[in-house]
C-alpha atoms as a PDB file:
ATOM      1  CA  MET A   1      86.815   2.344  32.324  1.00  0.00           C
ATOM      2  CA  PRO A   2      87.853  -0.898  34.102  1.00  0.00           C
ATOM      3  CA  GLN A   3      87.573  -0.909  37.875  1.00  0.00           C
ATOM      4  CA  GLN A   4      90.875  -0.526  39.719  1.00  0.00           C
ATOM      5  CA  ASN A   5      92.102  -3.601  41.537  1.00  0.00           C
ATOM      6  CA  THR A   6      91.970  -3.519  45.308  1.00  0.00           C
ATOM      7  CA  PHE A   7      94.389  -4.977  47.815  1.00  0.00           C
ATOM      8  CA  THR A   8      94.349  -6.193  51.390  1.00  0.00           C
ATOM      9  CA  TYR A   9      97.196  -4.648  53.391  1.00  0.00           C
ATOM     10  CA  SER A  10      99.090  -5.671  56.477  1.00  0.00           C
ATOM     11  CA  THR A  11     102.220  -4.481  58.252  1.00  0.00           C
ATOM     12  CA  VAL A  12     105.014  -7.034  58.450  1.00  0.00           C
ATOM     13  CA  THR A  13     106.266  -6.662  62.005  1.00  0.00           C
ATOM     14  CA  GLY A  14     109.544  -7.695  63.584  1.00  0.00           C
ATOM     15  CA  TYR A  15     111.759  -5.442  61.485  1.00  0.00           C
ATOM     16  CA  PHE A  16     111.339  -1.951  62.960  1.00  0.00           C
ATOM     17  CA  LEU A  17     111.164  -0.484  66.468  1.00  0.00           C
ATOM     18  CA  GLN A  18     108.093   1.540  65.493  1.00  0.00           C
ATOM     19  CA  ASP A  19     106.167  -1.693  64.974  1.00  0.00           C
ATOM     20  CA  GLU A  20     106.706  -2.697  68.595  1.00  0.00           C
ATOM     21  CA  ASN A  21     104.099  -1.743  71.203  1.00  0.00           C
ATOM     22  CA  SER A  22     106.900  -0.957  73.645  1.00  0.00           C
ATOM     23  CA  THR A  23     108.177   1.927  71.478  1.00  0.00           C
ATOM     24  CA  VAL A  24     106.824   5.312  72.583  1.00  0.00           C
ATOM     25  CA  ALA A  25     105.958   7.437  69.555  1.00  0.00           C
ATOM     26  CA  GLU A  26     106.364  10.755  71.377  1.00  0.00           C
ATOM     27  CA  THR A  27     110.002  10.065  72.267  1.00  0.00           C
ATOM     28  CA  PHE A  28     111.020   7.913  69.290  1.00  0.00           C
ATOM     29  CA  ASP A  29     114.122   9.251  67.531  1.00  0.00           C
ATOM     30  CA  PHE A  30     114.386   7.845  64.014  1.00  0.00           C
ATOM     31  CA  ILE A  31     117.786   9.485  63.503  1.00  0.00           C
ATOM     32  CA  SER A  32     119.611   7.870  66.426  1.00  0.00           C
ATOM     33  CA  THR A  33     117.966   4.477  65.777  1.00  0.00           C
ATOM     34  CA  ASN A  34     118.833   4.000  62.089  1.00  0.00           C
ATOM     35  CA  PHE A  35     115.214   4.678  61.043  1.00  0.00           C
ATOM     36  CA  GLY A  36     114.199   2.210  63.743  1.00  0.00           C
ATOM     37  CA  LEU A  37     115.633  -0.782  61.878  1.00  0.00           C
ATOM     38  CA  LEU A  38     116.168  -3.631  64.339  1.00  0.00           C
ATOM     39  CA  GLU A  39     119.511  -5.398  64.452  1.00  0.00           C
ATOM     40  CA  ARG A  40     118.651  -9.003  63.697  1.00  0.00           C
ATOM     41  CA  LYS A  41     119.337 -11.947  61.417  1.00  0.00           C
ATOM     42  CA  TYR A  42     117.303 -12.527  58.258  1.00  0.00           C
ATOM     43  CA  GLU A  43     116.470 -15.626  56.269  1.00  0.00           C
ATOM     44  CA  ALA A  44     118.116 -13.903  53.300  1.00  0.00           C
ATOM     45  CA  ASP A  45     121.448 -13.715  55.150  1.00  0.00           C
ATOM     46  CA  GLY A  46     122.436 -17.154  53.924  1.00  0.00           C
ATOM     47  CA  PRO A  47     125.421 -19.119  55.232  1.00  0.00           C
ATOM     48  CA  GLN A  48     127.407 -15.990  56.079  1.00  0.00           C
ATOM     49  CA  GLY A  49     124.721 -15.024  58.614  1.00  0.00           C
ATOM     50  CA  SER A  50     124.778 -11.509  60.032  1.00  0.00           C
ATOM     51  CA  GLY A  51     128.572 -11.434  60.274  1.00  0.00           C
ATOM     52  CA  SER A  52     129.140 -10.103  56.770  1.00  0.00           C
ATOM     53  CA  LYS A  53     130.519  -6.633  56.127  1.00  0.00           C
ATOM     54  CA  GLU A  54     127.228  -5.519  54.622  1.00  0.00           C
ATOM     55  CA  THR A  55     125.147  -3.093  56.639  1.00  0.00           C
ATOM     56  CA  GLN A  56     121.880  -3.906  58.332  1.00  0.00           C
ATOM     57  CA  TRP A  57     120.046  -1.933  55.648  1.00  0.00           C
ATOM     58  CA  GLN A  58     121.777  -3.784  52.803  1.00  0.00           C
ATOM     59  CA  ARG A  59     120.823  -7.084  54.381  1.00  0.00           C
ATOM     60  CA  PHE A  60     117.267  -5.832  54.944  1.00  0.00           C
ATOM     61  CA  GLU A  61     117.058  -4.912  51.253  1.00  0.00           C
ATOM     62  CA  TYR A  62     118.026  -8.496  50.381  1.00  0.00           C
ATOM     63  CA  GLU A  63     115.393  -9.723  52.826  1.00  0.00           C
ATOM     64  CA  VAL A  64     112.680  -7.663  51.138  1.00  0.00           C
ATOM     65  CA  LYS A  65     113.801  -9.015  47.765  1.00  0.00           C
ATOM     66  CA  ARG A  66     113.565 -12.548  49.168  1.00  0.00           C
ATOM     67  CA  LEU A  67     110.033 -11.876  50.403  1.00  0.00           C
ATOM     68  CA  ASN A  68     109.003 -10.666  46.960  1.00  0.00           C
ATOM     69  CA  ASP A  69     110.778 -13.496  45.148  1.00  0.00           C
ATOM     70  CA  GLU A  70     109.042 -16.098  47.320  1.00  0.00           C
ATOM     71  CA  ALA A  71     105.653 -14.374  47.457  1.00  0.00           C
ATOM     72  CA  ALA A  72     102.576 -16.096  46.103  1.00  0.00           C
ATOM     73  CA  ALA A  73     100.964 -14.767  42.950  1.00  0.00           C
ATOM     74  CA  GLY A  74      99.126 -11.538  43.647  1.00  0.00           C
ATOM     75  CA  THR A  75     101.199 -10.728  46.742  1.00  0.00           C
ATOM     76  CA  CYS A  76     103.941  -8.127  46.983  1.00  0.00           C
ATOM     77  CA  TYR A  77     106.012  -6.312  49.603  1.00  0.00           C
ATOM     78  CA  LYS A  78     106.952  -2.626  49.638  1.00  0.00           C
ATOM     79  CA  VAL A  79     108.775  -0.391  52.097  1.00  0.00           C
ATOM     80  CA  LEU A  80     107.046   2.946  52.583  1.00  0.00           C
ATOM     81  CA  TYR A  81     109.135   5.814  53.973  1.00  0.00           C
ATOM     82  CA  MET A  82     106.445   8.000  55.578  1.00  0.00           C
ATOM     83  CA  GLY A  83     107.563  11.529  56.382  1.00  0.00           C
ATOM     84  CA  ARG A  84     105.566  14.286  58.050  1.00  0.00           C
ATOM     85  CA  HIS A  85     106.152  17.868  56.914  1.00  0.00           C
ATOM     86  CA  GLY A  86     108.229  20.216  59.050  1.00  0.00           C
ATOM     87  CA  GLN A  87     106.636  22.703  61.409  1.00  0.00           C
ATOM     88  CA  GLY A  88     104.184  24.996  59.624  1.00  0.00           C
ATOM     89  CA  VAL A  89     102.754  28.376  60.538  1.00  0.00           C
ATOM     90  CA  HIS A  90      99.500  26.686  61.565  1.00  0.00           C
ATOM     91  CA  ASN A  91     101.328  24.388  63.992  1.00  0.00           C
ATOM     92  CA  VAL A  92     102.649  27.443  65.827  1.00  0.00           C
ATOM     93  CA  ALA A  93      99.182  28.994  65.938  1.00  0.00           C
ATOM     94  CA  GLU A  94      97.631  25.801  67.291  1.00  0.00           C
ATOM     95  CA  SER A  95     100.259  25.660  70.027  1.00  0.00           C
ATOM     96  CA  ARG A  96      99.601  29.293  70.877  1.00  0.00           C
ATOM     97  CA  TYR A  97      95.843  28.879  71.254  1.00  0.00           C
ATOM     98  CA  GLY A  98      95.769  25.284  72.504  1.00  0.00           C
ATOM     99  CA  ARG A  99      94.151  22.308  70.791  1.00  0.00           C
ATOM    100  CA  ALA A 100      90.650  22.835  72.217  1.00  0.00           C
ATOM    101  CA  GLU A 101      90.425  26.520  71.231  1.00  0.00           C
ATOM    102  CA  TRP A 102      92.065  25.817  67.883  1.00  0.00           C
ATOM    103  CA  ASP A 103      89.483  23.183  66.998  1.00  0.00           C
ATOM    104  CA  ARG A 104      86.604  25.264  68.393  1.00  0.00           C
ATOM    105  CA  TYR A 105      87.325  28.504  66.554  1.00  0.00           C
ATOM    106  CA  TRP A 106      90.731  29.351  65.160  1.00  0.00           C
ATOM    107  CA  ALA A 107      91.183  26.431  62.734  1.00  0.00           C
ATOM    108  CA  ALA A 108      88.247  27.717  60.668  1.00  0.00           C
ATOM    109  CA  GLN A 109      89.747  31.222  60.418  1.00  0.00           C
ATOM    110  CA  GLU A 110      92.223  32.220  57.739  1.00  0.00           C
ATOM    111  CA  GLY A 111      94.669  33.657  60.267  1.00  0.00           C
ATOM    112  CA  ASP A 112      95.062  36.147  63.070  1.00  0.00           C
ATOM    113  CA  SER A 113      96.862  39.465  63.542  1.00  0.00           C
ATOM    114  CA  THR A 114     100.254  37.748  63.394  1.00  0.00           C
ATOM    115  CA  SER A 115      99.991  35.326  60.481  1.00  0.00           C
ATOM    116  CA  SER A 116      97.903  33.656  57.777  1.00  0.00           C
ATOM    117  CA  TRP A 117      97.602  29.880  57.768  1.00  0.00           C
ATOM    118  CA  VAL A 118      95.710  29.140  54.568  1.00  0.00           C
ATOM    119  CA  ASP A 119      97.860  26.439  52.938  1.00  0.00           C
ATOM    120  CA  PRO A 120     100.657  27.614  55.232  1.00  0.00           C
ATOM    121  CA  HIS A 121     104.377  27.595  54.567  1.00  0.00           C
ATOM    122  CA  LEU A 122     107.067  26.128  56.789  1.00  0.00           C
ATOM    123  CA  THR A 123     108.422  28.180  59.660  1.00  0.00           C
ATOM    124  CA  ASP A 124     112.162  28.658  60.111  1.00  0.00           C
ATOM    125  CA  ILE A 125     112.030  25.733  62.540  1.00  0.00           C
ATOM    126  CA  GLY A 126     110.183  23.647  59.945  1.00  0.00           C
ATOM    127  CA  ILE A 127     112.807  24.458  57.330  1.00  0.00           C
ATOM    128  CA  GLN A 128     115.541  23.396  59.735  1.00  0.00           C
ATOM    129  CA  GLN A 129     113.696  20.173  60.542  1.00  0.00           C
ATOM    130  CA  ALA A 130     113.604  19.287  56.843  1.00  0.00           C
ATOM    131  CA  LYS A 131     117.307  20.141  56.486  1.00  0.00           C
ATOM    132  CA  THR A 132     118.076  17.870  59.443  1.00  0.00           C
ATOM    133  CA  VAL A 133     116.295  15.001  57.709  1.00  0.00           C
ATOM    134  CA  ASN A 134     118.204  15.841  54.541  1.00  0.00           C
ATOM    135  CA  ALA A 135     121.520  15.539  56.408  1.00  0.00           C
ATOM    136  CA  PHE A 136     120.356  12.258  57.892  1.00  0.00           C
ATOM    137  CA  TRP A 137     119.445  10.882  54.468  1.00  0.00           C
ATOM    138  CA  LYS A 138     122.911  11.838  53.189  1.00  0.00           C
ATOM    139  CA  HIS A 139     124.441   9.819  56.022  1.00  0.00           C
ATOM    140  CA  GLN A 140     122.083   6.900  55.479  1.00  0.00           C
ATOM    141  CA  LEU A 141     122.796   6.700  51.768  1.00  0.00           C
ATOM    142  CA  GLU A 142     126.568   6.903  52.185  1.00  0.00           C
ATOM    143  CA  VAL A 143     127.200   5.038  55.428  1.00  0.00           C
ATOM    144  CA  ALA A 144     124.188   2.913  56.355  1.00  0.00           C
ATOM    145  CA  LYS A 145     123.443   2.112  52.694  1.00  0.00           C
ATOM    146  CA  THR A 146     119.733   2.659  53.189  1.00  0.00           C
ATOM    147  CA  PRO A 147     118.006   2.063  49.836  1.00  0.00           C
ATOM    148  CA  ALA A 148     117.034   5.336  48.215  1.00  0.00           C
ATOM    149  CA  PRO A 149     113.368   5.687  47.361  1.00  0.00           C
ATOM    150  CA  GLU A 150     112.473   4.632  43.861  1.00  0.00           C
ATOM    151  CA  ARG A 151     109.461   6.974  43.819  1.00  0.00           C
ATOM    152  CA  TYR A 152     108.611  10.175  45.650  1.00  0.00           C
ATOM    153  CA  TYR A 153     104.991  11.116  46.347  1.00  0.00           C
ATOM    154  CA  SER A 154     103.797  14.236  48.140  1.00  0.00           C
ATOM    155  CA  SER A 155     100.627  15.838  49.377  1.00  0.00           C
ATOM    156  CA  PRO A 156      99.713  18.913  47.299  1.00  0.00           C
ATOM    157  CA  LEU A 157      99.774  21.199  50.332  1.00  0.00           C
ATOM    158  CA  TYR A 158     102.549  23.780  50.327  1.00  0.00           C
ATOM    159  CA  ARG A 159     104.269  22.658  53.529  1.00  0.00           C
ATOM    160  CA  CYS A 160     104.717  19.133  52.178  1.00  0.00           C
ATOM    161  CA  LEU A 161     106.082  20.255  48.829  1.00  0.00           C
ATOM    162  CA  GLU A 162     108.576  22.466  50.649  1.00  0.00           C
ATOM    163  CA  THR A 163     109.553  19.628  52.960  1.00  0.00           C
ATOM    164  CA  ALA A 164     110.057  17.143  50.134  1.00  0.00           C
ATOM    165  CA  ASN A 165     112.328  19.492  48.182  1.00  0.00           C
ATOM    166  CA  LEU A 166     114.384  20.454  51.220  1.00  0.00           C
ATOM    167  CA  THR A 167     114.750  16.788  52.175  1.00  0.00           C
ATOM    168  CA  PHE A 168     115.517  15.132  48.849  1.00  0.00           C
ATOM    169  CA  ALA A 169     116.366  17.593  46.064  1.00  0.00           C
ATOM    170  CA  ASP A 170     120.157  17.765  46.591  1.00  0.00           C
ATOM    171  CA  LEU A 171     120.818  14.153  47.547  1.00  0.00           C
ATOM    172  CA  ASP A 172     123.458  12.182  45.636  1.00  0.00           C
ATOM    173  CA  LEU A 173     121.029   9.547  44.386  1.00  0.00           C
ATOM    174  CA  PRO A 174     121.585   6.467  42.228  1.00  0.00           C
ATOM    175  CA  THR A 175     121.137   7.276  38.550  1.00  0.00           C
ATOM    176  CA  ASP A 176     118.229   4.843  38.304  1.00  0.00           C
ATOM    177  CA  ARG A 177     116.449   6.460  41.273  1.00  0.00           C
ATOM    178  CA  PRO A 178     116.337  10.192  40.497  1.00  0.00           C
ATOM    179  CA  TYR A 179     114.275  12.643  42.516  1.00  0.00           C
ATOM    180  CA  LYS A 180     111.193  13.139  40.320  1.00  0.00           C
ATOM    181  CA  PRO A 181     108.458  13.912  42.852  1.00  0.00           C
ATOM    182  CA  VAL A 182     104.799  13.373  42.025  1.00  0.00           C
ATOM    183  CA  VAL A 183     101.946  15.289  43.663  1.00  0.00           C
ATOM    184  CA  LYS A 184      99.098  13.048  44.809  1.00  0.00           C
ATOM    185  CA  GLU A 185      95.895  14.885  45.676  1.00  0.00           C
ATOM    186  CA  LEU A 186      94.708  11.912  47.724  1.00  0.00           C
ATOM    187  CA  LEU A 187      97.772  12.123  49.991  1.00  0.00           C
ATOM    188  CA  ARG A 188      96.643  15.425  51.539  1.00  0.00           C
ATOM    189  CA  GLU A 189      95.510  15.990  55.113  1.00  0.00           C
ATOM    190  CA  ALA A 190      91.947  15.449  56.346  1.00  0.00           C
ATOM    191  CA  ASN A 191      89.736  17.811  54.368  1.00  0.00           C
ATOM    192  CA  GLY A 192      87.336  20.495  55.464  1.00  0.00           C
ATOM    193  CA  ILE A 193      86.777  23.412  57.879  1.00  0.00           C
ATOM    194  CA  HIS A 194      90.454  23.835  58.809  1.00  0.00           C
ATOM    195  CA  THR A 195      91.764  26.467  56.406  1.00  0.00           C
ATOM    196  CA  CYS A 196      95.323  25.186  56.796  1.00  0.00           C
ATOM    197  CA  ASP A 197      94.198  22.165  54.759  1.00  0.00           C
ATOM    198  CA  ARG A 198      92.756  24.198  51.853  1.00  0.00           C
ATOM    199  CA  ARG A 199      95.298  24.026  49.068  1.00  0.00           C
ATOM    200  CA  SER A 200      96.558  26.755  46.799  1.00  0.00           C
ATOM    201  CA  THR A 201      95.627  26.844  43.128  1.00  0.00           C
ATOM    202  CA  LYS A 202      97.324  24.326  40.901  1.00  0.00           C
ATOM    203  CA  SER A 203      99.006  27.062  38.840  1.00  0.00           C
ATOM    204  CA  THR A 204     100.441  28.671  42.002  1.00  0.00           C
ATOM    205  CA  LEU A 205     101.935  25.372  43.088  1.00  0.00           C
ATOM    206  CA  GLN A 206     103.248  24.550  39.620  1.00  0.00           C
ATOM    207  CA  THR A 207     105.058  27.890  39.530  1.00  0.00           C
ATOM    208  CA  ALA A 208     106.569  27.480  42.992  1.00  0.00           C
ATOM    209  CA  PHE A 209     107.410  23.780  42.588  1.00  0.00           C
ATOM    210  CA  PHE A 210     108.209  23.407  38.892  1.00  0.00           C
ATOM    211  CA  ASN A 211     110.189  20.207  39.490  1.00  0.00           C
ATOM    212  CA  PHE A 212     107.087  18.309  40.630  1.00  0.00           C
ATOM    213  CA  ILE A 213     104.845  16.244  38.377  1.00  0.00           C
ATOM    214  CA  PHE A 214     101.197  17.191  38.917  1.00  0.00           C
ATOM    215  CA  GLU A 215      98.437  14.711  38.161  1.00  0.00           C
ATOM    216  CA  PRO A 216      96.373  15.779  35.111  1.00  0.00           C
ATOM    217  CA  SER A 217      93.218  15.158  37.157  1.00  0.00           C
ATOM    218  CA  MET A 218      94.182  17.809  39.714  1.00  0.00           C
ATOM    219  CA  THR A 219      91.849  20.797  39.342  1.00  0.00           C
ATOM    220  CA  GLU A 220      92.987  24.415  39.291  1.00  0.00           C
ATOM    221  CA  HIS A 221      90.980  25.304  42.380  1.00  0.00           C
ATOM    222  CA  ASP A 222      90.543  23.110  45.442  1.00  0.00           C
ATOM    223  CA  GLU A 223      87.257  21.319  44.859  1.00  0.00           C
ATOM    224  CA  LEU A 224      87.720  18.818  47.685  1.00  0.00           C
ATOM    225  CA  TRP A 225      87.875  21.178  50.655  1.00  0.00           C
ATOM    226  CA  SER A 226      84.613  22.138  52.384  1.00  0.00           C
ATOM    227  CA  ALA A 227      84.080  25.115  54.677  1.00  0.00           C
ATOM    228  CA  THR A 228      81.269  23.343  56.542  1.00  0.00           C
ATOM    229  CA  GLU A 229      82.171  19.649  56.764  1.00  0.00           C
ATOM    230  CA  ARG A 230      85.351  17.836  57.787  1.00  0.00           C
ATOM    231  CA  GLU A 231      86.256  14.315  56.741  1.00  0.00           C
ATOM    232  CA  THR A 232      85.634  11.655  59.338  1.00  0.00           C
ATOM    233  CA  ASN A 233      88.330   9.082  60.086  1.00  0.00           C
ATOM    234  CA  GLU A 234      86.292   6.531  58.144  1.00  0.00           C
ATOM    235  CA  GLU A 235      86.162   8.786  55.086  1.00  0.00           C
ATOM    236  CA  LEU A 236      89.867   9.569  55.382  1.00  0.00           C
ATOM    237  CA  ASP A 237      90.707   5.866  55.639  1.00  0.00           C
ATOM    238  CA  ARG A 238      88.713   5.142  52.472  1.00  0.00           C
ATOM    239  CA  ARG A 239      90.651   7.869  50.661  1.00  0.00           C
ATOM    240  CA  MET A 240      93.999   6.494  51.833  1.00  0.00           C
ATOM    241  CA  LYS A 241      92.947   2.994  50.798  1.00  0.00           C
ATOM    242  CA  GLN A 242      92.160   4.375  47.334  1.00  0.00           C
ATOM    243  CA  LEU A 243      95.603   6.032  47.220  1.00  0.00           C
ATOM    244  CA  LEU A 244      97.386   2.838  48.225  1.00  0.00           C
ATOM    245  CA  ASP A 245      95.420   0.753  45.720  1.00  0.00           C
ATOM    246  CA  ASP A 246      96.441   3.170  42.965  1.00  0.00           C
ATOM    247  CA  ILE A 247     100.123   3.073  43.915  1.00  0.00           C
ATOM    248  CA  PHE A 248     100.335  -0.678  44.502  1.00  0.00           C
ATOM    249  CA  GLU A 249      98.578  -1.298  41.191  1.00  0.00           C
ATOM    250  CA  HIS A 250     100.625   1.068  39.026  1.00  0.00           C
ATOM    251  CA  ASP A 251     104.011   1.553  40.740  1.00  0.00           C
ATOM    252  CA  ASP A 252     106.446  -1.345  40.489  1.00  0.00           C
ATOM    253  CA  GLY A 253     108.922   0.267  42.899  1.00  0.00           C
ATOM    254  CA  THR A 254     109.694  -1.450  46.195  1.00  0.00           C
ATOM    255  CA  PHE A 255     111.036   1.497  48.236  1.00  0.00           C
ATOM    256  CA  ILE A 256     108.651   4.457  48.085  1.00  0.00           C
ATOM    257  CA  SER A 257     108.594   7.834  49.830  1.00  0.00           C
ATOM    258  CA  PHE A 258     105.460   9.630  51.065  1.00  0.00           C
ATOM    259  CA  THR A 259     105.632  13.234  52.308  1.00  0.00           C
ATOM    260  CA  SER A 260     102.363  13.952  54.065  1.00  0.00           C
ATOM    261  CA  HIS A 261     100.650  14.985  57.307  1.00  0.00           C
ATOM    262  CA  SER A 262     100.019  13.746  60.830  1.00  0.00           C
ATOM    263  CA  GLY A 263      96.378  12.832  60.272  1.00  0.00           C
ATOM    264  CA  ALA A 264      96.953  11.379  56.813  1.00  0.00           C
ATOM    265  CA  ILE A 265      99.847   9.210  58.025  1.00  0.00           C
ATOM    266  CA  CYS A 266      97.793   8.019  60.996  1.00  0.00           C
ATOM    267  CA  SER A 267      95.108   7.015  58.496  1.00  0.00           C
ATOM    268  CA  LEU A 268      97.610   5.218  56.264  1.00  0.00           C
ATOM    269  CA  LEU A 269      98.848   3.279  59.278  1.00  0.00           C
ATOM    270  CA  ARG A 270      95.284   2.258  60.167  1.00  0.00           C
ATOM    271  CA  VAL A 271      94.698   0.998  56.634  1.00  0.00           C
ATOM    272  CA  LEU A 272      97.997  -0.904  56.781  1.00  0.00           C
ATOM    273  CA  GLY A 273      97.104  -2.555  60.089  1.00  0.00           C
ATOM    274  CA  HIS A 274      99.991  -0.814  61.835  1.00  0.00           C
ATOM    275  CA  ARG A 275      99.833   0.199  65.477  1.00  0.00           C
ATOM    276  CA  GLU A 276      98.960   3.818  66.178  1.00  0.00           C
ATOM    277  CA  PHE A 277     102.107   5.913  65.788  1.00  0.00           C
ATOM    278  CA  ARG A 278     101.766   9.687  65.558  1.00  0.00           C
ATOM    279  CA  LEU A 279     104.745  11.466  64.011  1.00  0.00           C
ATOM    280  CA  VAL A 280     106.160  14.751  65.262  1.00  0.00           C
ATOM    281  CA  THR A 281     106.748  17.483  62.678  1.00  0.00           C
ATOM    282  CA  GLY A 282     109.688  16.440  60.535  1.00  0.00           C
ATOM    283  CA  GLY A 283     109.401  12.826  61.690  1.00  0.00           C
ATOM    284  CA  VAL A 284     109.914   9.812  59.405  1.00  0.00           C
ATOM    285  CA  ILE A 285     109.205   6.101  59.770  1.00  0.00           C
ATOM    286  CA  PRO A 286     109.634   3.243  57.298  1.00  0.00           C
ATOM    287  CA  VAL A 287     106.953   0.522  57.243  1.00  0.00           C
ATOM    288  CA  LEU A 288     107.246  -2.881  55.570  1.00  0.00           C
ATOM    289  CA  VAL A 289     103.915  -3.603  53.880  1.00  0.00           C
ATOM    290  CA  ARG A 290     102.423  -6.819  52.525  1.00  0.00           C
ATOM    291  CA  ALA A 291      99.712  -6.368  49.897  1.00  0.00           C
ATOM    292  CA  VAL A 292      97.500  -9.130  48.540  1.00  0.00           C
ATOM    293  CA  ARG A 293      95.607  -8.433  45.342  1.00  0.00           C
ATOM    294  CA  GLY A 294      91.862  -8.965  45.360  1.00  0.00           C
ATOM    295  CA  GLY A 295      91.159  -8.079  48.989  1.00  0.00           C
ATOM    296  CA  ASP A 296      87.948  -6.614  50.296  1.00  0.00           C
END
């Protein structure tokens, strides 16, 4: 089997608030800030400048097209919409016990007297968070003219699959950009020890989320999770690099959605050379990415 091509990634800054060091992640509101898209002129604006009737997002879409049209051979640009799942049962438990006690003991347990958090579901708050993002996407598509994702990828963990469906399934999407979500095993949270990151069986997930496409390579039982070892950041970054290489090699879409986890998104941002930016549950940020084929 031929070796998969690799890419060198970088974040193209100057387009989004979340790229700026002055933006505080903990208080950033992607809804009130138009996904963080900065109001500015683009080279693609042409003679009409920024005074046209087109929205900032429409003009940004033209700008991304310009970048791709003018890119050197082997270089491409994609916009990744990175969304964290809504609040899960495990998030509530961690808040109840505190981070230190959670990491010391409770994360390795399957639950307590009040709940189970093995591959946990969304809470009522988590469901509402996803519905809020859904309402925001409806506004963005209709009013702001934000480009709809051309592809939808999700972690295989239950809370992400729930979040993706609640966010995207009922949107009025362009006919050439239907919601056909794909489960990517590599897009899951850091593996090991924490039972909340041990996934359900493939058949259970296929029954609950029949509209998703599951990779043929995905095993019935979770063979990646370990009860005794947890992935280091370096190992997680290598996994996310492998995921990105796969997508940038085989997906010709420019606007792509990821539904994933706090730790996994932090890792993706490290691989992309983005500043540290930790998302709250239900949070979303777009990132403009430059990829050069044949990197290290």
